[in-house]
């Protein structure tokens, strides 16, 4: 599961993280501020990228950059590195 929440407290995202854990799924969480409730729910097997900033715009900019990097990595893995 890829869970994205600026505050880490989004109700639908915390429910999704709990549901993923019930199904023994790993979670990659992109949060901000202090990680919120999502940060508290994560297990050691999960990946947590928390942007330690109070500005929603700055947090979302880092999240967008991270998502673009993940997409590049998936493309390179599936299609080969064209750089």
PDB file of N, CA and C in Angstrom:
ATOM      1  N   UNK A   1       0.844  -1.173   0.000  1.00  0.00           N
ATOM      2  CA  UNK A   1       0.000   0.000   0.000  1.00  0.00           C
ATOM      3  C   UNK A   1       0.886   1.232   0.000  1.00  0.00           C
ATOM      4  N   UNK A   2       0.573   2.184  -0.835  1.00  0.00           N
ATOM      5  CA  UNK A   2       1.215   3.494  -0.806  1.00  0.00           C
ATOM      6  C   UNK A   2       0.222   4.451  -0.163  1.00  0.00           C
ATOM      7  N   UNK A   3       0.532   4.907   1.044  1.00  0.00           N
ATOM      8  CA  UNK A   3      -0.344   5.809   1.795  1.00  0.00           C
ATOM      9  C   UNK A   3       0.270   7.201   1.797  1.00  0.00           C
ATOM     10  N   UNK A   4      -0.494   8.180   1.343  1.00  0.00           N
ATOM     11  CA  UNK A   4       0.003   9.555   1.266  1.00  0.00           C
ATOM     12  C   UNK A   4      -0.923  10.452   2.080  1.00  0.00           C
ATOM     13  N   UNK A   5      -0.350  11.130   3.071  1.00  0.00           N
ATOM     14  CA  UNK A   5      -1.120  12.043   3.910  1.00  0.00           C
ATOM     15  C   UNK A   5      -0.193  13.130   4.431  1.00  0.00           C
ATOM     16  N   UNK A   6      -0.514  14.369   4.140  1.00  0.00           N
ATOM     17  CA  UNK A   6       0.332  15.480   4.567  1.00  0.00           C
ATOM     18  C   UNK A   6       0.476  15.512   6.085  1.00  0.00           C
ATOM     19  N   UNK A   7      -0.619  15.326   6.798  1.00  0.00           N
ATOM     20  CA  UNK A   7      -0.585  15.388   8.263  1.00  0.00           C
ATOM     21  C   UNK A   7      -0.275  14.043   8.899  1.00  0.00           C
ATOM     22  N   UNK A   8      -0.553  12.963   8.167  1.00  0.00           N
ATOM     23  CA  UNK A   8      -0.425  11.630   8.750  1.00  0.00           C
ATOM     24  C   UNK A   8      -1.644  11.230   9.555  1.00  0.00           C
ATOM     25  N   UNK A   9      -2.677  12.055   9.532  1.00  0.00           N
ATOM     26  CA  UNK A   9      -3.868  11.795  10.344  1.00  0.00           C
ATOM     27  C   UNK A   9      -5.139  11.588   9.528  1.00  0.00           C
ATOM     28  N   UNK A  10      -5.019  11.462   8.230  1.00  0.00           N
ATOM     29  CA  UNK A  10      -6.184  11.278   7.370  1.00  0.00           C
ATOM     30  C   UNK A  10      -6.905   9.983   7.749  1.00  0.00           C
ATOM     31  N   UNK A  11      -8.183  10.101   8.049  1.00  0.00           N
ATOM     32  CA  UNK A  11      -8.953   8.946   8.507  1.00  0.00           C
ATOM     33  C   UNK A  11      -8.989   7.797   7.524  1.00  0.00           C
ATOM     34  N   UNK A  12      -9.173   8.098   6.243  1.00  0.00           N
ATOM     35  CA  UNK A  12      -9.234   7.017   5.255  1.00  0.00           C
ATOM     36  C   UNK A  12      -7.872   6.346   5.087  1.00  0.00           C
ATOM     37  N   UNK A  13      -6.787   7.110   5.241  1.00  0.00           N
ATOM     38  CA  UNK A  13      -5.447   6.527   5.110  1.00  0.00           C
ATOM     39  C   UNK A  13      -5.079   5.683   6.332  1.00  0.00           C
ATOM     40  N   UNK A  14      -5.467   6.128   7.531  1.00  0.00           N
ATOM     41  CA  UNK A  14      -5.181   5.308   8.714  1.00  0.00           C
ATOM     42  C   UNK A  14      -5.966   3.998   8.640  1.00  0.00           C
ATOM     43  N   UNK A  15      -7.196   4.059   8.149  1.00  0.00           N
ATOM     44  CA  UNK A  15      -7.989   2.837   7.977  1.00  0.00           C
ATOM     45  C   UNK A  15      -7.354   1.925   6.934  1.00  0.00           C
ATOM     46  N   UNK A  16      -6.836   2.503   5.862  1.00  0.00           N
ATOM     47  CA  UNK A  16      -6.190   1.703   4.815  1.00  0.00           C
ATOM     48  C   UNK A  16      -4.923   1.036   5.336  1.00  0.00           C
ATOM     49  N   UNK A  17      -4.144   1.749   6.149  1.00  0.00           N
ATOM     50  CA  UNK A  17      -2.928   1.163   6.728  1.00  0.00           C
ATOM     51  C   UNK A  17      -3.300  -0.011   7.629  1.00  0.00           C
ATOM     52  N   UNK A  18      -4.313   0.165   8.462  1.00  0.00           N
ATOM     53  CA  UNK A  18      -4.759  -0.927   9.335  1.00  0.00           C
ATOM     54  C   UNK A  18      -5.243  -2.120   8.517  1.00  0.00           C
ATOM     55  N   UNK A  19      -6.011  -1.861   7.467  1.00  0.00           N
ATOM     56  CA  UNK A  19      -6.503  -2.945   6.604  1.00  0.00           C
ATOM     57  C   UNK A  19      -5.349  -3.658   5.910  1.00  0.00           C
ATOM     58  N   UNK A  20      -4.353  -2.907   5.478  1.00  0.00           N
ATOM     59  CA  UNK A  20      -3.186  -3.518   4.831  1.00  0.00           C
ATOM     60  C   UNK A  20      -2.454  -4.434   5.805  1.00  0.00           C
ATOM     61  N   UNK A  21      -2.292  -3.986   7.036  1.00  0.00           N
ATOM     62  CA  UNK A  21      -1.605  -4.818   8.028  1.00  0.00           C
ATOM     63  C   UNK A  21      -2.398  -6.083   8.346  1.00  0.00           C
ATOM     64  N   UNK A  22      -3.729  -5.976   8.378  1.00  0.00           N
ATOM     65  CA  UNK A  22      -4.570  -7.158   8.605  1.00  0.00           C
ATOM     66  C   UNK A  22      -4.368  -8.193   7.502  1.00  0.00           C
ATOM     67  N   UNK A  23      -3.991  -7.736   6.320  1.00  0.00           N
ATOM     68  CA  UNK A  23      -3.762  -8.624   5.172  1.00  0.00           C
ATOM     69  C   UNK A  23      -2.279  -8.932   4.975  1.00  0.00           C
ATOM     70  N   UNK A  24      -1.482  -8.590   5.993  1.00  0.00           N
ATOM     71  CA  UNK A  24      -0.036  -8.834   5.985  1.00  0.00           C
ATOM     72  C   UNK A  24       0.662  -8.159   4.807  1.00  0.00           C
ATOM     73  N   UNK A  25       0.171  -6.993   4.430  1.00  0.00           N
ATOM     74  CA  UNK A  25       0.784  -6.197   3.363  1.00  0.00           C
ATOM     75  C   UNK A  25       1.774  -5.215   3.967  1.00  0.00           C
ATOM     76  N   UNK A  26       2.795  -4.892   3.198  1.00  0.00           N
ATOM     77  CA  UNK A  26       3.720  -3.838   3.598  1.00  0.00           C
ATOM     78  C   UNK A  26       3.140  -2.493   3.188  1.00  0.00           C
ATOM     79  N   UNK A  27       3.557  -1.466   3.905  1.00  0.00           N
ATOM     80  CA  UNK A  27       3.065  -0.118   3.649  1.00  0.00           C
ATOM     81  C   UNK A  27       4.250   0.804   3.384  1.00  0.00           C
ATOM     82  N   UNK A  28       4.114   1.630   2.363  1.00  0.00           N
ATOM     83  CA  UNK A  28       5.038   2.740   2.132  1.00  0.00           C
ATOM     84  C   UNK A  28       4.218   3.992   2.413  1.00  0.00           C
ATOM     85  N   UNK A  29       4.629   4.762   3.416  1.00  0.00           N
ATOM     86  CA  UNK A  29       3.869   5.939   3.827  1.00  0.00           C
ATOM     87  C   UNK A  29       4.652   7.210   3.556  1.00  0.00           C
ATOM     88  N   UNK A  30       3.998   8.159   2.905  1.00  0.00           N
ATOM     89  CA  UNK A  30       4.545   9.495   2.706  1.00  0.00           C
ATOM     90  C   UNK A  30       3.715  10.425   3.579  1.00  0.00           C
ATOM     91  N   UNK A  31       4.340  10.979   4.602  1.00  0.00           N
ATOM     92  CA  UNK A  31       3.637  11.863   5.519  1.00  0.00           C
ATOM     93  C   UNK A  31       4.428  13.149   5.699  1.00  0.00           C
ATOM     94  N   UNK A  32       3.904  14.012   6.538  1.00  0.00           N
ATOM     95  CA  UNK A  32       4.599  15.245   6.867  1.00  0.00           C
ATOM     96  C   UNK A  32       4.446  15.547   8.330  1.00  0.00           C
ATOM     97  N   UNK A  33       4.963  16.714   8.696  1.00  0.00           N
ATOM     98  CA  UNK A  33       4.903  17.190  10.070  1.00  0.00           C
ATOM     99  C   UNK A  33       5.545  16.148  10.965  1.00  0.00           C
ATOM    100  N   UNK A  34       4.842  15.492  11.849  1.00  0.00           N
ATOM    101  CA  UNK A  34       5.454  14.482  12.720  1.00  0.00           C
ATOM    102  C   UNK A  34       5.102  13.055  12.346  1.00  0.00           C
ATOM    103  N   UNK A  35       4.408  12.861  11.242  1.00  0.00           N
ATOM    104  CA  UNK A  35       4.020  11.513  10.833  1.00  0.00           C
ATOM    105  C   UNK A  35       2.623  11.139  11.270  1.00  0.00           C
ATOM    106  N   UNK A  36       2.131  11.808  12.305  1.00  0.00           N
ATOM    107  CA  UNK A  36       0.763  11.602  12.775  1.00  0.00           C
ATOM    108  C   UNK A  36       0.442  10.174  13.157  1.00  0.00           C
ATOM    109  N   UNK A  37      -0.831   9.859  13.068  1.00  0.00           N
ATOM    110  CA  UNK A  37      -1.335   8.528  13.439  1.00  0.00           C
ATOM    111  C   UNK A  37      -0.761   7.453  12.517  1.00  0.00           C
ATOM    112  N   UNK A  38      -0.573   7.765  11.245  1.00  0.00           N
ATOM    113  CA  UNK A  38      -0.012   6.778  10.318  1.00  0.00           C
ATOM    114  C   UNK A  38       1.367   6.354  10.787  1.00  0.00           C
ATOM    115  N   UNK A  39       2.188   7.310  11.190  1.00  0.00           N
ATOM    116  CA  UNK A  39       3.520   6.989  11.692  1.00  0.00           C
ATOM    117  C   UNK A  39       3.480   6.048  12.878  1.00  0.00           C
ATOM    118  N   UNK A  40       2.471   6.210  13.726  1.00  0.00           N
ATOM    119  CA  UNK A  40       2.312   5.344  14.898  1.00  0.00           C
ATOM    120  C   UNK A  40       1.874   3.936  14.514  1.00  0.00           C
ATOM    121  N   UNK A  41       1.139   3.808  13.420  1.00  0.00           N
ATOM    122  CA  UNK A  41       0.609   2.505  13.002  1.00  0.00           C
ATOM    123  C   UNK A  41       1.621   1.643  12.248  1.00  0.00           C
ATOM    124  N   UNK A  42       2.665   2.242  11.727  1.00  0.00           N
ATOM    125  CA  UNK A  42       3.598   1.507  10.870  1.00  0.00           C
ATOM    126  C   UNK A  42       4.402   0.479  11.651  1.00  0.00           C
ATOM    127  N   UNK A  43       4.709  -0.618  10.972  1.00  0.00           N
ATOM    128  CA  UNK A  43       5.519  -1.686  11.563  1.00  0.00           C
ATOM    129  C   UNK A  43       6.965  -1.527  11.096  1.00  0.00           C
ATOM    130  N   UNK A  44       7.883  -2.251  11.718  1.00  0.00           N
ATOM    131  CA  UNK A  44       9.286  -2.169  11.288  1.00  0.00           C
ATOM    132  C   UNK A  44       9.502  -2.585   9.827  1.00  0.00           C
ATOM    133  N   UNK A  45       8.606  -3.384   9.268  1.00  0.00           N
ATOM    134  CA  UNK A  45       8.748  -3.832   7.877  1.00  0.00           C
ATOM    135  C   UNK A  45       8.278  -2.776   6.878  1.00  0.00           C
ATOM    136  N   UNK A  46       7.593  -1.750   7.361  1.00  0.00           N
ATOM    137  CA  UNK A  46       7.073  -0.702   6.488  1.00  0.00           C
ATOM    138  C   UNK A  46       8.146   0.346   6.206  1.00  0.00           C
ATOM    139  N   UNK A  47       7.868   1.185   5.211  1.00  0.00           N
ATOM    140  CA  UNK A  47       8.767   2.285   4.849  1.00  0.00           C
ATOM    141  C   UNK A  47       8.034   3.592   5.126  1.00  0.00           C
ATOM    142  N   UNK A  48       8.698   4.497   5.839  1.00  0.00           N
ATOM    143  CA  UNK A  48       8.070   5.773   6.193  1.00  0.00           C
ATOM    144  C   UNK A  48       8.959   6.925   5.769  1.00  0.00           C
ATOM    145  N   UNK A  49       8.453   7.753   4.872  1.00  0.00           N
ATOM    146  CA  UNK A  49       9.139   8.985   4.498  1.00  0.00           C
ATOM    147  C   UNK A  49       8.317  10.136   5.069  1.00  0.00           C
ATOM    148  N   UNK A  50       8.835  10.725   6.139  1.00  0.00           N
ATOM    149  CA  UNK A  50       8.154  11.832   6.800  1.00  0.00           C
ATOM    150  C   UNK A  50       8.920  13.112   6.514  1.00  0.00           C
ATOM    151  N   UNK A  51       8.249  14.084   5.924  1.00  0.00           N
ATOM    152  CA  UNK A  51       8.861  15.377   5.631  1.00  0.00           C
ATOM    153  C   UNK A  51       8.698  16.253   6.877  1.00  0.00           C
ATOM    154  N   UNK A  52       9.789  16.548   7.573  1.00  0.00           N
ATOM    155  CA  UNK A  52       9.686  17.279   8.844  1.00  0.00           C
ATOM    156  C   UNK A  52       9.516  18.788   8.638  1.00  0.00           C
ATOM    157  N   UNK A  53       8.356  19.158   8.153  1.00  0.00           N
ATOM    158  CA  UNK A  53       8.092  20.572   7.880  1.00  0.00           C
ATOM    159  C   UNK A  53       6.641  20.860   8.228  1.00  0.00           C
ATOM    160  N   UNK A  54       6.334  22.085   8.573  1.00  0.00           N
ATOM    161  CA  UNK A  54       4.958  22.438   8.920  1.00  0.00           C
ATOM    162  C   UNK A  54       4.157  22.972   7.733  1.00  0.00           C
ATOM    163  N   UNK A  55       4.833  23.321   6.644  1.00  0.00           N
ATOM    164  CA  UNK A  55       4.152  23.873   5.473  1.00  0.00           C
ATOM    165  C   UNK A  55       3.589  22.761   4.587  1.00  0.00           C
ATOM    166  N   UNK A  56       2.279  22.787   4.412  1.00  0.00           N
ATOM    167  CA  UNK A  56       1.623  21.787   3.565  1.00  0.00           C
ATOM    168  C   UNK A  56       2.195  21.803   2.150  1.00  0.00           C
ATOM    169  N   UNK A  57       2.425  22.987   1.606  1.00  0.00           N
ATOM    170  CA  UNK A  57       2.959  23.089   0.239  1.00  0.00           C
ATOM    171  C   UNK A  57       4.329  22.433   0.130  1.00  0.00           C
ATOM    172  N   UNK A  58       5.205  22.675   1.087  1.00  0.00           N
ATOM    173  CA  UNK A  58       6.555  22.073   1.044  1.00  0.00           C
ATOM    174  C   UNK A  58       6.474  20.554   1.163  1.00  0.00           C
ATOM    175  N   UNK A  59       5.617  20.071   2.051  1.00  0.00           N
ATOM    176  CA  UNK A  59       5.458  18.626   2.240  1.00  0.00           C
ATOM    177  C   UNK A  59       4.977  17.990   0.940  1.00  0.00           C
ATOM    178  N   UNK A  60       3.975  18.586   0.315  1.00  0.00           N
ATOM    179  CA  UNK A  60       3.429  18.026  -0.915  1.00  0.00           C
ATOM    180  C   UNK A  60       4.423  18.098  -2.064  1.00  0.00           C
ATOM    181  N   UNK A  61       5.263  19.127  -2.104  1.00  0.00           N
ATOM    182  CA  UNK A  61       6.308  19.193  -3.129  1.00  0.00           C
ATOM    183  C   UNK A  61       7.267  18.017  -3.002  1.00  0.00           C
ATOM    184  N   UNK A  62       7.668  17.697  -1.783  1.00  0.00           N
ATOM    185  CA  UNK A  62       8.573  16.564  -1.570  1.00  0.00           C
ATOM    186  C   UNK A  62       7.870  15.256  -1.917  1.00  0.00           C
ATOM    187  N   UNK A  63       6.595  15.143  -1.572  1.00  0.00           N
ATOM    188  CA  UNK A  63       5.839  13.937  -1.925  1.00  0.00           C
ATOM    189  C   UNK A  63       5.776  13.754  -3.441  1.00  0.00           C
ATOM    190  N   UNK A  64       5.507  14.825  -4.174  1.00  0.00           N
ATOM    191  CA  UNK A  64       5.434  14.742  -5.640  1.00  0.00           C
ATOM    192  C   UNK A  64       6.776  14.316  -6.224  1.00  0.00           C
ATOM    193  N   UNK A  65       7.860  14.916  -5.741  1.00  0.00           N
ATOM    194  CA  UNK A  65       9.192  14.532  -6.208  1.00  0.00           C
ATOM    195  C   UNK A  65       9.465  13.058  -5.920  1.00  0.00           C
ATOM    196  N   UNK A  66       9.092  12.601  -4.737  1.00  0.00           N
ATOM    197  CA  UNK A  66       9.291  11.199  -4.357  1.00  0.00           C
ATOM    198  C   UNK A  66       8.509  10.269  -5.277  1.00  0.00           C
ATOM    199  N   UNK A  67       7.272  10.620  -5.574  1.00  0.00           N
ATOM    200  CA  UNK A  67       6.445   9.791  -6.456  1.00  0.00           C
ATOM    201  C   UNK A  67       7.051   9.738  -7.857  1.00  0.00           C
ATOM    202  N   UNK A  68       7.549  10.855  -8.354  1.00  0.00           N
ATOM    203  CA  UNK A  68       8.201  10.857  -9.670  1.00  0.00           C
ATOM    204  C   UNK A  68       9.441   9.961  -9.662  1.00  0.00           C
ATOM    205  N   UNK A  69      10.214  10.001  -8.602  1.00  0.00           N
ATOM    206  CA  UNK A  69      11.400   9.136  -8.496  1.00  0.00           C
ATOM    207  C   UNK A  69      11.001   7.662  -8.455  1.00  0.00           C
ATOM    208  N   UNK A  70       9.932   7.343  -7.725  1.00  0.00           N
ATOM    209  CA  UNK A  70       9.447   5.957  -7.687  1.00  0.00           C
ATOM    210  C   UNK A  70       9.003   5.503  -9.076  1.00  0.00           C
ATOM    211  N   UNK A  71       8.312   6.367  -9.797  1.00  0.00           N
ATOM    212  CA  UNK A  71       7.883   6.028 -11.163  1.00  0.00           C
ATOM    213  C   UNK A  71       9.084   5.792 -12.069  1.00  0.00           C
ATOM    214  N   UNK A  72      10.110   6.628 -11.959  1.00  0.00           N
ATOM    215  CA  UNK A  72      11.334   6.430 -12.741  1.00  0.00           C
ATOM    216  C   UNK A  72      11.983   5.095 -12.412  1.00  0.00           C
ATOM    217  N   UNK A  73      12.002   4.740 -11.132  1.00  0.00           N
ATOM    218  CA  UNK A  73      12.609   3.472 -10.720  1.00  0.00           C
ATOM    219  C   UNK A  73      11.829   2.281 -11.266  1.00  0.00           C
ATOM    220  N   UNK A  74      10.502   2.364 -11.241  1.00  0.00           N
ATOM    221  CA  UNK A  74       9.674   1.284 -11.794  1.00  0.00           C
ATOM    222  C   UNK A  74       9.898   1.179 -13.298  1.00  0.00           C
ATOM    223  N   UNK A  75       9.916   2.306 -13.997  1.00  0.00           N
ATOM    224  CA  UNK A  75      10.187   2.296 -15.442  1.00  0.00           C
ATOM    225  C   UNK A  75      11.530   1.643 -15.742  1.00  0.00           C
ATOM    226  N   UNK A  76      12.559   2.028 -15.006  1.00  0.00           N
ATOM    227  CA  UNK A  76      13.892   1.470 -15.232  1.00  0.00           C
ATOM    228  C   UNK A  76      13.915  -0.022 -14.946  1.00  0.00           C
ATOM    229  N   UNK A  77      13.185  -0.433 -13.917  1.00  0.00           N
ATOM    230  CA  UNK A  77      13.148  -1.854 -13.566  1.00  0.00           C
ATOM    231  C   UNK A  77      12.423  -2.678 -14.631  1.00  0.00           C
ATOM    232  N   UNK A  78      11.325  -2.145 -15.141  1.00  0.00           N
ATOM    233  CA  UNK A  78      10.523  -2.882 -16.116  1.00  0.00           C
ATOM    234  C   UNK A  78      11.049  -2.768 -17.542  1.00  0.00           C
ATOM    235  N   UNK A  79      11.543  -1.584 -17.890  1.00  0.00           N
ATOM    236  CA  UNK A  79      11.897  -1.312 -19.282  1.00  0.00           C
ATOM    237  C   UNK A  79      13.390  -1.148 -19.524  1.00  0.00           C
ATOM    238  N   UNK A  80      14.157  -1.136 -18.454  1.00  0.00           N
ATOM    239  CA  UNK A  80      15.592  -0.915 -18.591  1.00  0.00           C
ATOM    240  C   UNK A  80      15.919   0.557 -18.461  1.00  0.00           C
ATOM    241  N   UNK A  81      17.142   0.835 -18.098  1.00  0.00           N
ATOM    242  CA  UNK A  81      17.583   2.215 -17.901  1.00  0.00           C
ATOM    243  C   UNK A  81      17.984   2.814 -19.237  1.00  0.00           C
ATOM    244  N   UNK A  82      17.284   3.873 -19.646  1.00  0.00           N
ATOM    245  CA  UNK A  82      17.554   4.506 -20.937  1.00  0.00           C
ATOM    246  C   UNK A  82      18.428   5.744 -20.812  1.00  0.00           C
ATOM    247  N   UNK A  83      18.963   6.021 -19.632  1.00  0.00           N
ATOM    248  CA  UNK A  83      19.784   7.232 -19.463  1.00  0.00           C
ATOM    249  C   UNK A  83      21.177   6.977 -19.870  1.00  0.00           C
TER     250      UNK A  83
END
